[in-house]
N, C-alpha and C. Protein backbone atom coordinates (compact mmCIF):
# COMPACT_ATOMS: atom_id res chain seq x y z
N MET A 1 -25.39 38.89 -54.99
CA MET A 1 -25.78 38.04 -53.68
C MET A 1 -25.90 36.93 -53.96
N THR A 2 -25.16 35.76 -53.39
CA THR A 2 -25.28 34.40 -53.64
C THR A 2 -26.66 33.96 -51.83
N ALA A 3 -27.08 32.88 -52.43
CA ALA A 3 -27.89 32.51 -51.21
C ALA A 3 -26.75 31.51 -50.50
N ALA A 4 -27.21 31.50 -48.93
CA ALA A 4 -26.58 30.66 -48.14
C ALA A 4 -26.45 29.24 -48.62
N PRO A 5 -25.44 28.69 -48.28
CA PRO A 5 -25.76 27.03 -48.10
C PRO A 5 -26.67 26.34 -47.74
N ALA A 6 -27.48 25.25 -48.38
CA ALA A 6 -28.58 24.40 -47.47
C ALA A 6 -27.61 23.87 -46.42
N PRO A 7 -28.50 23.64 -45.35
CA PRO A 7 -27.78 22.77 -43.99
C PRO A 7 -27.71 21.71 -44.95
N PRO A 8 -27.01 20.83 -44.18
CA PRO A 8 -26.73 19.33 -44.47
C PRO A 8 -27.70 18.36 -44.40
N ALA A 9 -28.33 17.22 -45.10
CA ALA A 9 -28.94 16.65 -44.84
C ALA A 9 -29.33 16.03 -43.79
N THR A 10 -28.37 15.66 -42.90
CA THR A 10 -28.34 15.23 -41.53
C THR A 10 -28.89 16.12 -40.33
N THR A 11 -28.87 17.51 -40.36
CA THR A 11 -29.37 18.54 -39.61
C THR A 11 -30.28 19.04 -39.95
N TRP A 12 -30.84 19.14 -41.34
CA TRP A 12 -31.91 19.80 -41.74
C TRP A 12 -33.21 19.25 -41.30
N ARG A 13 -34.16 20.09 -40.75
CA ARG A 13 -35.34 19.65 -39.83
C ARG A 13 -36.69 20.16 -40.72
N PRO A 14 -37.16 19.87 -41.95
CA PRO A 14 -37.87 19.66 -42.80
C PRO A 14 -39.26 20.21 -42.08
N VAL A 15 -39.89 21.77 -42.65
CA VAL A 15 -41.13 21.80 -42.53
C VAL A 15 -41.68 22.38 -43.70
N LEU A 16 -43.12 22.54 -43.68
CA LEU A 16 -43.76 23.03 -45.14
C LEU A 16 -43.58 24.77 -44.74
N ALA A 17 -43.28 25.26 -46.27
CA ALA A 17 -43.02 26.80 -46.07
C ALA A 17 -44.22 27.55 -45.60
N ARG A 18 -44.08 28.70 -45.22
CA ARG A 18 -45.20 29.42 -45.03
C ARG A 18 -46.03 29.70 -46.73
N GLY A 19 -47.15 29.56 -46.16
CA GLY A 19 -48.56 29.37 -47.25
C GLY A 19 -48.57 27.82 -47.71
N VAL A 20 -47.81 27.01 -47.42
CA VAL A 20 -47.96 25.83 -48.10
C VAL A 20 -48.88 24.90 -47.42
N VAL A 21 -50.11 24.45 -47.46
CA VAL A 21 -50.92 23.52 -46.43
C VAL A 21 -50.92 22.07 -47.39
N LEU A 22 -50.96 20.78 -46.06
CA LEU A 22 -51.16 19.81 -46.70
C LEU A 22 -52.59 19.50 -46.10
N ARG A 23 -53.53 18.70 -47.26
CA ARG A 23 -54.45 18.27 -47.08
C ARG A 23 -54.76 17.27 -47.57
N HIS A 24 -55.79 16.54 -47.07
CA HIS A 24 -56.22 15.23 -47.64
C HIS A 24 -57.76 15.60 -48.56
N ASP A 25 -57.85 15.55 -49.44
CA ASP A 25 -59.04 15.28 -50.61
C ASP A 25 -60.13 13.81 -50.47
N ARG A 26 -60.64 14.20 -49.61
CA ARG A 26 -61.75 12.68 -49.29
C ARG A 26 -62.65 12.41 -50.95
N VAL A 27 -62.53 13.32 -51.71
CA VAL A 27 -63.45 13.17 -52.82
C VAL A 27 -62.54 12.20 -53.88
N ARG A 28 -61.03 12.73 -53.86
CA ARG A 28 -60.08 12.33 -54.89
C ARG A 28 -59.56 10.98 -54.02
N GLY A 29 -59.62 11.17 -53.18
CA GLY A 29 -58.63 10.07 -52.02
C GLY A 29 -57.30 10.27 -52.40
N ALA A 30 -56.89 11.79 -52.27
CA ALA A 30 -55.42 11.83 -52.41
C ALA A 30 -55.29 13.09 -51.37
N ASP A 31 -53.71 13.05 -51.37
CA ASP A 31 -53.26 14.01 -51.00
C ASP A 31 -53.15 15.20 -51.45
N LEU A 32 -52.92 16.69 -51.04
CA LEU A 32 -52.80 17.94 -52.06
C LEU A 32 -52.00 18.84 -51.40
N LEU A 33 -50.94 19.12 -51.84
CA LEU A 33 -50.33 20.62 -51.22
C LEU A 33 -51.01 21.68 -52.11
N LEU A 34 -51.80 22.70 -51.22
CA LEU A 34 -52.12 23.62 -51.37
C LEU A 34 -50.98 24.90 -51.72
N LEU A 35 -50.76 25.56 -52.51
CA LEU A 35 -50.01 26.64 -52.52
C LEU A 35 -50.76 27.87 -53.07
N PRO A 36 -49.59 28.85 -52.72
CA PRO A 36 -50.57 30.04 -53.51
C PRO A 36 -50.77 29.93 -54.63
N GLU A 37 -51.76 30.12 -55.11
CA GLU A 37 -52.51 29.93 -56.71
C GLU A 37 -52.26 29.31 -57.31
N ARG A 38 -51.70 27.57 -56.43
CA ARG A 38 -51.36 26.43 -57.54
C ARG A 38 -52.20 25.32 -56.16
N VAL A 39 -52.51 24.16 -56.76
CA VAL A 39 -52.56 22.92 -56.17
C VAL A 39 -51.59 21.93 -56.95
N VAL A 40 -51.04 20.60 -56.08
CA VAL A 40 -50.39 19.91 -56.23
C VAL A 40 -51.03 18.37 -55.70
N LEU A 41 -50.97 17.76 -56.90
CA LEU A 41 -51.88 16.38 -56.33
C LEU A 41 -50.25 15.56 -56.08
N LEU A 42 -50.25 15.29 -54.93
CA LEU A 42 -49.30 13.92 -54.54
C LEU A 42 -49.34 12.63 -54.89
N ASP A 43 -48.44 12.09 -55.28
CA ASP A 43 -48.77 10.66 -55.53
C ASP A 43 -48.31 9.56 -54.66
N GLY A 44 -48.52 8.42 -54.57
CA GLY A 44 -48.06 7.32 -53.97
C GLY A 44 -48.16 7.72 -52.14
N SER A 45 -47.00 7.65 -51.61
CA SER A 45 -46.87 8.08 -50.42
C SER A 45 -46.10 9.31 -49.83
N ALA A 46 -45.98 10.27 -51.08
CA ALA A 46 -45.64 11.68 -50.46
C ALA A 46 -46.40 12.40 -49.26
N GLY A 47 -47.50 12.07 -49.42
CA GLY A 47 -48.42 12.62 -47.97
C GLY A 47 -47.95 12.28 -46.84
N GLU A 48 -47.66 10.76 -46.73
CA GLU A 48 -47.29 10.06 -45.47
C GLU A 48 -45.77 10.80 -45.00
N VAL A 49 -44.88 11.07 -46.15
CA VAL A 49 -43.41 11.43 -45.93
C VAL A 49 -43.78 12.81 -45.15
N LEU A 50 -44.40 13.69 -46.05
CA LEU A 50 -44.64 15.16 -45.62
C LEU A 50 -45.42 15.23 -44.37
N ARG A 51 -46.33 14.45 -43.95
CA ARG A 51 -46.76 14.36 -42.70
C ARG A 51 -45.63 14.39 -41.39
N LEU A 52 -44.84 13.89 -41.64
CA LEU A 52 -43.39 13.58 -41.00
C LEU A 52 -42.59 14.90 -40.65
N CYS A 53 -42.85 15.65 -41.48
CA CYS A 53 -41.88 17.19 -41.92
C CYS A 53 -42.42 18.30 -40.79
N ASP A 54 -42.09 17.99 -39.68
CA ASP A 54 -42.96 18.76 -38.30
C ASP A 54 -41.55 19.89 -37.86
N GLY A 55 -40.68 20.20 -38.66
CA GLY A 55 -40.27 21.14 -38.37
C GLY A 55 -39.08 20.37 -36.95
N VAL A 56 -39.65 19.03 -36.20
CA VAL A 56 -38.79 18.54 -35.01
C VAL A 56 -37.85 17.72 -35.59
N ARG A 57 -38.33 16.63 -36.13
CA ARG A 57 -37.65 15.40 -37.00
C ARG A 57 -36.81 16.35 -37.91
N ASP A 58 -35.14 15.31 -37.88
CA ASP A 58 -34.90 16.08 -39.09
C ASP A 58 -34.60 14.73 -39.95
N VAL A 59 -34.36 14.59 -40.99
CA VAL A 59 -34.22 14.21 -42.76
C VAL A 59 -33.93 12.80 -42.18
N ALA A 60 -32.97 12.35 -41.39
CA ALA A 60 -32.77 10.96 -40.64
C ALA A 60 -33.68 10.42 -39.70
N ALA A 61 -34.48 10.97 -38.92
CA ALA A 61 -35.37 10.61 -38.75
C ALA A 61 -36.84 10.51 -38.85
N VAL A 62 -36.81 11.36 -40.22
CA VAL A 62 -38.22 10.82 -41.11
C VAL A 62 -37.76 9.65 -41.94
N VAL A 63 -36.42 9.43 -42.19
CA VAL A 63 -36.41 7.94 -43.00
C VAL A 63 -36.24 7.19 -42.20
N ALA A 64 -35.76 7.06 -40.46
CA ALA A 64 -35.91 6.22 -39.74
C ALA A 64 -37.64 5.53 -39.62
N GLU A 65 -38.08 6.65 -39.53
CA GLU A 65 -39.69 6.42 -39.38
C GLU A 65 -40.25 5.80 -40.37
N LEU A 66 -40.02 6.15 -41.23
CA LEU A 66 -40.77 5.36 -42.70
C LEU A 66 -39.91 4.12 -42.98
N THR A 67 -38.93 3.75 -42.68
CA THR A 67 -38.08 2.61 -42.68
C THR A 67 -38.68 1.58 -42.01
N VAL A 68 -39.27 1.78 -40.56
CA VAL A 68 -40.02 1.15 -39.78
C VAL A 68 -41.33 0.75 -40.45
N ARG A 69 -42.03 1.88 -40.73
CA ARG A 69 -43.53 1.49 -41.29
C ARG A 69 -43.65 0.85 -42.63
N HIS A 70 -42.42 1.00 -43.56
CA HIS A 70 -42.31 0.25 -44.59
C HIS A 70 -40.87 -0.36 -44.83
N PRO A 71 -40.46 -1.65 -44.13
CA PRO A 71 -39.32 -1.93 -44.25
C PRO A 71 -38.89 -2.69 -45.69
N ALA A 72 -39.62 -3.05 -46.50
CA ALA A 72 -39.09 -3.61 -47.82
C ALA A 72 -39.45 -2.48 -48.73
N ALA A 73 -39.45 -1.37 -48.57
CA ALA A 73 -39.44 -0.17 -49.48
C ALA A 73 -38.02 0.81 -49.70
N PRO A 74 -37.55 0.96 -50.51
CA PRO A 74 -36.33 1.84 -50.61
C PRO A 74 -36.15 3.41 -50.15
N VAL A 75 -36.71 3.35 -48.68
CA VAL A 75 -37.10 4.51 -48.25
C VAL A 75 -35.33 5.37 -47.92
N ALA A 76 -34.57 5.21 -47.70
CA ALA A 76 -33.21 5.72 -47.65
C ALA A 76 -32.71 6.10 -48.95
N ALA A 77 -33.17 5.41 -49.68
CA ALA A 77 -32.56 5.95 -51.16
C ALA A 77 -33.46 7.25 -51.79
N GLU A 78 -34.48 7.31 -51.30
CA GLU A 78 -35.69 7.87 -52.09
C GLU A 78 -36.24 9.37 -51.30
N VAL A 79 -36.08 8.71 -49.98
CA VAL A 79 -37.21 10.11 -49.50
C VAL A 79 -35.94 11.57 -49.21
N ALA A 80 -34.80 11.33 -48.76
CA ALA A 80 -33.99 12.60 -48.80
C ALA A 80 -33.89 13.34 -50.37
N ALA A 81 -33.96 12.52 -51.03
CA ALA A 81 -33.81 13.16 -52.24
C ALA A 81 -35.12 13.60 -52.70
N PHE A 82 -36.25 13.23 -52.58
CA PHE A 82 -37.42 14.23 -52.60
C PHE A 82 -37.78 15.06 -51.70
N LEU A 83 -37.43 15.03 -50.43
CA LEU A 83 -37.21 16.08 -49.89
C LEU A 83 -36.48 17.33 -49.88
N GLU A 84 -35.55 17.17 -50.77
CA GLU A 84 -34.53 17.93 -51.39
C GLU A 84 -35.33 18.44 -52.46
N ARG A 85 -35.77 18.33 -53.29
CA ARG A 85 -36.60 18.57 -54.66
C ARG A 85 -37.73 19.43 -54.12
N LEU A 86 -38.30 19.33 -52.98
CA LEU A 86 -39.17 19.86 -52.74
C LEU A 86 -38.72 21.37 -51.65
N ARG A 87 -37.56 21.26 -51.20
CA ARG A 87 -36.97 22.54 -50.91
C ARG A 87 -36.72 23.16 -51.98
N GLU A 88 -36.10 22.46 -52.99
CA GLU A 88 -35.57 23.51 -53.99
C GLU A 88 -36.72 23.98 -55.08
N GLU A 89 -37.80 23.47 -54.62
CA GLU A 89 -39.22 24.06 -55.19
C GLU A 89 -39.93 25.21 -54.53
N GLY A 90 -39.14 25.05 -52.95
CA GLY A 90 -39.44 26.33 -52.23
C GLY A 90 -40.92 25.71 -51.17
N TRP A 91 -41.10 24.73 -51.53
CA TRP A 91 -42.32 24.18 -50.91
C TRP A 91 -41.91 23.65 -49.31
N LEU A 92 -41.07 23.34 -49.06
CA LEU A 92 -40.27 23.03 -47.93
C LEU A 92 -39.33 23.89 -47.48
N ARG A 93 -39.16 23.81 -46.14
CA ARG A 93 -37.87 24.90 -45.27
C ARG A 93 -37.21 24.29 -44.29
C-alpha cells in the first residue's frame, strides 16, 4: 500500500503533529521540539517559523509573514523546504 501524495505546498496548512510540542527553554535561550522520547534543539529562526504553523496559515502565508519580518533574508527559498523536511520527519502534518 502506498501513501497518499502530499498536498501541494500552496494548499498545505502545516501544524505540529500530535505529540509534538514547541517550547522555549529559558535556561538555554533556545527553542525546542519535544517529541515522544526525543528532544530536538532548534537553530536560528526555526522556532519562529514553527510558531506560524498553526494549521490556519498555508505555506505561502507563512512565507509572506516571514518576508515582512525579515525582508533581507532568503525566506522564500528556504522556508518551504524546511517545512517539507519536518513533514517528512513526521513532526508536521
